[in-house]
């Protein structure tokens, strides 16, 4: 069974459902891998490809420049606020 399951932010999700008769997990995973690689080959032979999500992070300023320490004199010479 194959279902067009969802519209997501960066994908159209297909859901492929199949059952295996053998309860052996290793055999199940081997079959699953073979099927998934087969799907990829079919897509590639048609000149198509899968899009993989990515993110870009932009940093403002020079991230390699050390920040200057706070002016310690300005912190020690502050007067307490006047009481009302």
C-alpha atoms as a PDB file:
ATOM      1  CA  UNK A   1       0.000   0.000   0.000  1.00  0.00           C
ATOM      2  CA  UNK A   2       1.225   3.490  -0.826  1.00  0.00           C
ATOM      3  CA  UNK A   3      -0.384   6.662   0.508  1.00  0.00           C
ATOM      4  CA  UNK A   4       0.232  10.344  -0.120  1.00  0.00           C
ATOM      5  CA  UNK A   5       0.201  11.090   3.577  1.00  0.00           C
ATOM      6  CA  UNK A   6       1.060  14.750   4.302  1.00  0.00           C
ATOM      7  CA  UNK A   7       2.082  18.166   3.064  1.00  0.00           C
ATOM      8  CA  UNK A   8       4.923  19.323   5.318  1.00  0.00           C
ATOM      9  CA  UNK A   9       6.928  22.538   5.374  1.00  0.00           C
ATOM     10  CA  UNK A  10       9.611  21.156   3.068  1.00  0.00           C
ATOM     11  CA  UNK A  11       8.246  17.835   1.829  1.00  0.00           C
ATOM     12  CA  UNK A  12       5.402  15.850   0.346  1.00  0.00           C
ATOM     13  CA  UNK A  13       5.237  12.717   2.489  1.00  0.00           C
ATOM     14  CA  UNK A  14       4.519   9.294   1.055  1.00  0.00           C
ATOM     15  CA  UNK A  15       3.757   6.383   3.334  1.00  0.00           C
ATOM     16  CA  UNK A  16       4.716   2.931   2.070  1.00  0.00           C
ATOM     17  CA  UNK A  17       3.192   0.081   4.076  1.00  0.00           C
ATOM     18  CA  UNK A  18       4.282  -3.524   3.741  1.00  0.00           C
ATOM     19  CA  UNK A  19       4.288  -6.607   5.932  1.00  0.00           C
ATOM     20  CA  UNK A  20       6.909  -9.287   6.305  1.00  0.00           C
ATOM     21  CA  UNK A  21       5.980 -12.882   7.041  1.00  0.00           C
ATOM     22  CA  UNK A  22       9.181 -13.708   8.915  1.00  0.00           C
ATOM     23  CA  UNK A  23       9.328 -12.322  12.492  1.00  0.00           C
ATOM     24  CA  UNK A  24      13.156 -12.077  12.317  1.00  0.00           C
ATOM     25  CA  UNK A  25      13.988  -8.368  12.787  1.00  0.00           C
ATOM     26  CA  UNK A  26      17.289  -8.575  10.906  1.00  0.00           C
ATOM     27  CA  UNK A  27      15.533 -10.042   7.861  1.00  0.00           C
ATOM     28  CA  UNK A  28      12.878  -7.323   8.106  1.00  0.00           C
ATOM     29  CA  UNK A  29      15.518  -4.566   8.175  1.00  0.00           C
ATOM     30  CA  UNK A  30      17.424  -6.153   5.275  1.00  0.00           C
ATOM     31  CA  UNK A  31      14.210  -6.180   3.210  1.00  0.00           C
ATOM     32  CA  UNK A  32      13.373  -2.620   4.253  1.00  0.00           C
ATOM     33  CA  UNK A  33      16.820  -1.415   3.189  1.00  0.00           C
ATOM     34  CA  UNK A  34      16.561  -3.232  -0.143  1.00  0.00           C
ATOM     35  CA  UNK A  35      13.167  -1.661  -0.845  1.00  0.00           C
ATOM     36  CA  UNK A  36      14.278   1.854   0.169  1.00  0.00           C
ATOM     37  CA  UNK A  37      17.410   1.650  -1.988  1.00  0.00           C
ATOM     38  CA  UNK A  38      15.238   0.374  -4.835  1.00  0.00           C
ATOM     39  CA  UNK A  39      12.930   3.391  -4.468  1.00  0.00           C
ATOM     40  CA  UNK A  40      15.955   5.694  -4.573  1.00  0.00           C
ATOM     41  CA  UNK A  41      17.285   4.006  -7.732  1.00  0.00           C
ATOM     42  CA  UNK A  42      13.890   4.318  -9.466  1.00  0.00           C
ATOM     43  CA  UNK A  43      13.769   8.041  -8.658  1.00  0.00           C
ATOM     44  CA  UNK A  44      17.367   8.581  -9.862  1.00  0.00           C
ATOM     45  CA  UNK A  45      16.827   6.698 -13.154  1.00  0.00           C
ATOM     46  CA  UNK A  46      14.066   9.200 -13.935  1.00  0.00           C
ATOM     47  CA  UNK A  47      16.480  12.097 -13.426  1.00  0.00           C
ATOM     48  CA  UNK A  48      14.887  13.103 -10.137  1.00  0.00           C
ATOM     49  CA  UNK A  49      16.336  13.451  -6.659  1.00  0.00           C
ATOM     50  CA  UNK A  50      15.244  13.760  -3.068  1.00  0.00           C
ATOM     51  CA  UNK A  51      15.416  17.119  -1.319  1.00  0.00           C
ATOM     52  CA  UNK A  52      16.941  17.013   2.127  1.00  0.00           C
ATOM     53  CA  UNK A  53      16.036  19.791   4.566  1.00  0.00           C
ATOM     54  CA  UNK A  54      18.755  22.264   5.483  1.00  0.00           C
ATOM     55  CA  UNK A  55      19.118  25.404   7.559  1.00  0.00           C
ATOM     56  CA  UNK A  56      21.338  28.451   7.209  1.00  0.00           C
ATOM     57  CA  UNK A  57      22.519  30.414  10.224  1.00  0.00           C
ATOM     58  CA  UNK A  58      23.671  33.999   9.762  1.00  0.00           C
ATOM     59  CA  UNK A  59      25.876  35.583  12.419  1.00  0.00           C
ATOM     60  CA  UNK A  60      26.011  39.367  12.639  1.00  0.00           C
ATOM     61  CA  UNK A  61      29.390  40.942  13.315  1.00  0.00           C
ATOM     62  CA  UNK A  62      32.705  39.163  13.570  1.00  0.00           C
ATOM     63  CA  UNK A  63      32.175  35.958  15.598  1.00  0.00           C
ATOM     64  CA  UNK A  64      35.956  35.522  16.020  1.00  0.00           C
ATOM     65  CA  UNK A  65      36.510  38.915  17.636  1.00  0.00           C
ATOM     66  CA  UNK A  66      36.703  38.827  21.434  1.00  0.00           C
ATOM     67  CA  UNK A  67      34.328  41.124  23.256  1.00  0.00           C
ATOM     68  CA  UNK A  68      35.917  43.900  25.281  1.00  0.00           C
ATOM     69  CA  UNK A  69      35.550  43.465  29.044  1.00  0.00           C
ATOM     70  CA  UNK A  70      33.168  45.890  30.766  1.00  0.00           C
ATOM     71  CA  UNK A  71      34.751  49.105  32.070  1.00  0.00           C
ATOM     72  CA  UNK A  72      35.390  48.148  35.703  1.00  0.00           C
ATOM     73  CA  UNK A  73      35.956  51.792  36.801  1.00  0.00           C
ATOM     74  CA  UNK A  74      32.463  52.791  35.736  1.00  0.00           C
ATOM     75  CA  UNK A  75      31.009  50.027  37.904  1.00  0.00           C
ATOM     76  CA  UNK A  76      33.014  50.848  41.061  1.00  0.00           C
ATOM     77  CA  UNK A  77      32.600  54.652  40.877  1.00  0.00           C
ATOM     78  CA  UNK A  78      28.823  54.623  40.688  1.00  0.00           C
ATOM     79  CA  UNK A  79      27.001  56.550  43.402  1.00  0.00           C
ATOM     80  CA  UNK A  80      24.037  54.894  45.132  1.00  0.00           C
ATOM     81  CA  UNK A  81      20.676  56.360  44.128  1.00  0.00           C
ATOM     82  CA  UNK A  82      19.430  59.208  46.317  1.00  0.00           C
ATOM     83  CA  UNK A  83      16.691  58.159  48.686  1.00  0.00           C
ATOM     84  CA  UNK A  84      13.377  59.956  48.367  1.00  0.00           C
END
